[in-house]
Amino acid sequence: MMKNKTNNGTEKSPEQIEEDVRLTAYYLWEKKGSNNGSDIEDWIEAETSLKN
């Protein structure tokens, strides 16, 4: 289960959760050298990291 709470304890909307995943995947992509072709793997890794 992803962290569905904001810092003030309210529920995150699906849009907010998706934005968190999007940003995390982007940062992972940058960290790996910004090479094309790893978008799905980066997305899955972002979702996994946000679940913990």
N, C-alpha and C. Protein backbone atom coordinates (compact mmCIF):
# COMPACT_ATOMS: atom_id res chain seq x y z
N MET A 1 0.84 -1.19 0.00
CA MET A 1 0.00 0.00 0.00
C MET A 1 0.88 1.25 0.00
N MET A 2 0.58 2.17 -0.89
CA MET A 2 1.36 3.39 -0.96
C MET A 2 1.02 4.31 0.19
N LYS A 3 1.94 5.21 0.46
CA LYS A 3 1.69 6.19 1.50
C LYS A 3 0.61 7.13 1.01
N ASN A 4 -0.61 6.94 1.49
CA ASN A 4 -1.74 7.69 0.99
C ASN A 4 -2.11 8.88 1.87
N LYS A 5 -1.21 9.26 2.74
CA LYS A 5 -1.48 10.39 3.62
C LYS A 5 -0.53 11.53 3.29
N THR A 6 -1.02 12.74 3.40
CA THR A 6 -0.17 13.91 3.25
C THR A 6 0.51 14.17 4.59
N ASN A 7 1.37 15.17 4.62
CA ASN A 7 2.07 15.49 5.86
C ASN A 7 1.13 15.89 6.99
N ASN A 8 -0.04 16.43 6.65
CA ASN A 8 -0.97 16.83 7.70
C ASN A 8 -1.99 15.74 8.03
N GLY A 9 -1.80 14.52 7.47
CA GLY A 9 -2.64 13.39 7.82
C GLY A 9 -3.87 13.19 6.96
N THR A 10 -4.11 14.06 5.99
CA THR A 10 -5.26 13.87 5.11
C THR A 10 -4.93 12.88 4.01
N GLU A 11 -5.97 12.30 3.43
CA GLU A 11 -5.80 11.33 2.35
C GLU A 11 -5.30 12.02 1.09
N LYS A 12 -4.37 11.36 0.39
CA LYS A 12 -3.93 11.86 -0.91
C LYS A 12 -4.91 11.41 -1.97
N SER A 13 -5.13 12.26 -2.94
CA SER A 13 -5.99 11.89 -4.06
C SER A 13 -5.21 10.98 -5.00
N PRO A 14 -5.90 10.23 -5.85
CA PRO A 14 -5.19 9.42 -6.85
C PRO A 14 -4.26 10.26 -7.71
N GLU A 15 -4.65 11.48 -7.99
CA GLU A 15 -3.81 12.38 -8.79
C GLU A 15 -2.53 12.73 -8.05
N GLN A 16 -2.63 12.96 -6.75
CA GLN A 16 -1.44 13.28 -5.95
C GLN A 16 -0.50 12.09 -5.88
N ILE A 17 -1.06 10.90 -5.73
CA ILE A 17 -0.25 9.69 -5.68
C ILE A 17 0.47 9.49 -7.01
N GLU A 18 -0.26 9.68 -8.11
CA GLU A 18 0.35 9.53 -9.43
C GLU A 18 1.47 10.55 -9.64
N GLU A 19 1.26 11.77 -9.17
CA GLU A 19 2.30 12.79 -9.28
C GLU A 19 3.54 12.40 -8.48
N ASP A 20 3.36 11.84 -7.30
CA ASP A 20 4.49 11.35 -6.51
C ASP A 20 5.27 10.29 -7.27
N VAL A 21 4.55 9.35 -7.89
CA VAL A 21 5.20 8.29 -8.66
C VAL A 21 5.92 8.90 -9.86
N ARG A 22 5.26 9.82 -10.54
CA ARG A 22 5.85 10.46 -11.72
C ARG A 22 7.16 11.16 -11.37
N LEU A 23 7.16 11.93 -10.31
CA LEU A 23 8.37 12.65 -9.91
C LEU A 23 9.48 11.70 -9.48
N THR A 24 9.11 10.67 -8.73
CA THR A 24 10.11 9.69 -8.28
C THR A 24 10.71 8.96 -9.47
N ALA A 25 9.88 8.57 -10.44
CA ALA A 25 10.38 7.90 -11.64
C ALA A 25 11.31 8.82 -12.43
N TYR A 26 10.95 10.09 -12.50
CA TYR A 26 11.80 11.06 -13.20
C TYR A 26 13.17 11.16 -12.53
N TYR A 27 13.18 11.27 -11.21
CA TYR A 27 14.46 11.38 -10.50
C TYR A 27 15.29 10.11 -10.64
N LEU A 28 14.64 8.96 -10.65
CA LEU A 28 15.36 7.70 -10.89
C LEU A 28 15.98 7.70 -12.28
N TRP A 29 15.22 8.15 -13.27
CA TRP A 29 15.70 8.23 -14.66
C TRP A 29 16.91 9.15 -14.76
N GLU A 30 16.82 10.31 -14.10
CA GLU A 30 17.96 11.24 -14.09
C GLU A 30 19.18 10.61 -13.43
N LYS A 31 18.96 9.96 -12.30
CA LYS A 31 20.05 9.34 -11.55
C LYS A 31 20.77 8.27 -12.37
N LYS A 32 20.00 7.59 -13.23
CA LYS A 32 20.57 6.52 -14.06
C LYS A 32 21.21 7.05 -15.34
N GLY A 33 21.25 8.35 -15.52
CA GLY A 33 21.91 8.91 -16.68
C GLY A 33 20.99 9.43 -17.77
N SER A 34 19.71 9.50 -17.52
CA SER A 34 18.74 10.07 -18.46
C SER A 34 18.70 9.35 -19.80
N ASN A 35 18.94 8.05 -19.79
CA ASN A 35 18.90 7.27 -21.03
C ASN A 35 17.47 6.83 -21.31
N ASN A 36 17.10 6.87 -22.58
CA ASN A 36 15.76 6.44 -22.99
C ASN A 36 15.63 4.93 -22.88
N GLY A 37 14.39 4.47 -22.72
CA GLY A 37 14.11 3.05 -22.76
C GLY A 37 13.89 2.38 -21.42
N SER A 38 13.98 3.13 -20.33
CA SER A 38 13.79 2.49 -19.02
C SER A 38 12.57 3.04 -18.30
N ASP A 39 11.66 3.64 -19.05
CA ASP A 39 10.52 4.30 -18.42
C ASP A 39 9.64 3.36 -17.60
N ILE A 40 9.37 2.18 -18.11
CA ILE A 40 8.51 1.25 -17.38
C ILE A 40 9.20 0.76 -16.12
N GLU A 41 10.47 0.42 -16.25
CA GLU A 41 11.22 -0.04 -15.07
C GLU A 41 11.32 1.06 -14.02
N ASP A 42 11.56 2.30 -14.47
CA ASP A 42 11.64 3.42 -13.53
C ASP A 42 10.31 3.65 -12.83
N TRP A 43 9.22 3.52 -13.58
CA TRP A 43 7.88 3.72 -13.00
C TRP A 43 7.61 2.66 -11.94
N ILE A 44 7.90 1.41 -12.26
CA ILE A 44 7.66 0.31 -11.31
C ILE A 44 8.54 0.48 -10.08
N GLU A 45 9.80 0.86 -10.29
CA GLU A 45 10.69 1.08 -9.16
C GLU A 45 10.19 2.23 -8.29
N ALA A 46 9.66 3.27 -8.90
CA ALA A 46 9.11 4.40 -8.15
C ALA A 46 7.90 3.96 -7.33
N GLU A 47 6.99 3.20 -7.95
CA GLU A 47 5.82 2.71 -7.21
C GLU A 47 6.25 1.85 -6.03
N THR A 48 7.22 0.98 -6.26
CA THR A 48 7.70 0.09 -5.20
C THR A 48 8.32 0.88 -4.06
N SER A 49 9.14 1.86 -4.40
CA SER A 49 9.81 2.64 -3.35
C SER A 49 8.82 3.46 -2.53
N LEU A 50 7.74 3.91 -3.16
CA LEU A 50 6.75 4.71 -2.42
C LEU A 50 5.82 3.86 -1.57
N LYS A 51 5.77 2.57 -1.83
CA LYS A 51 4.94 1.67 -1.02
C LYS A 51 5.53 1.47 0.37
N ASN A 52 6.83 1.62 0.49
CA ASN A 52 7.52 1.35 1.77
C ASN A 52 7.51 2.53 2.67
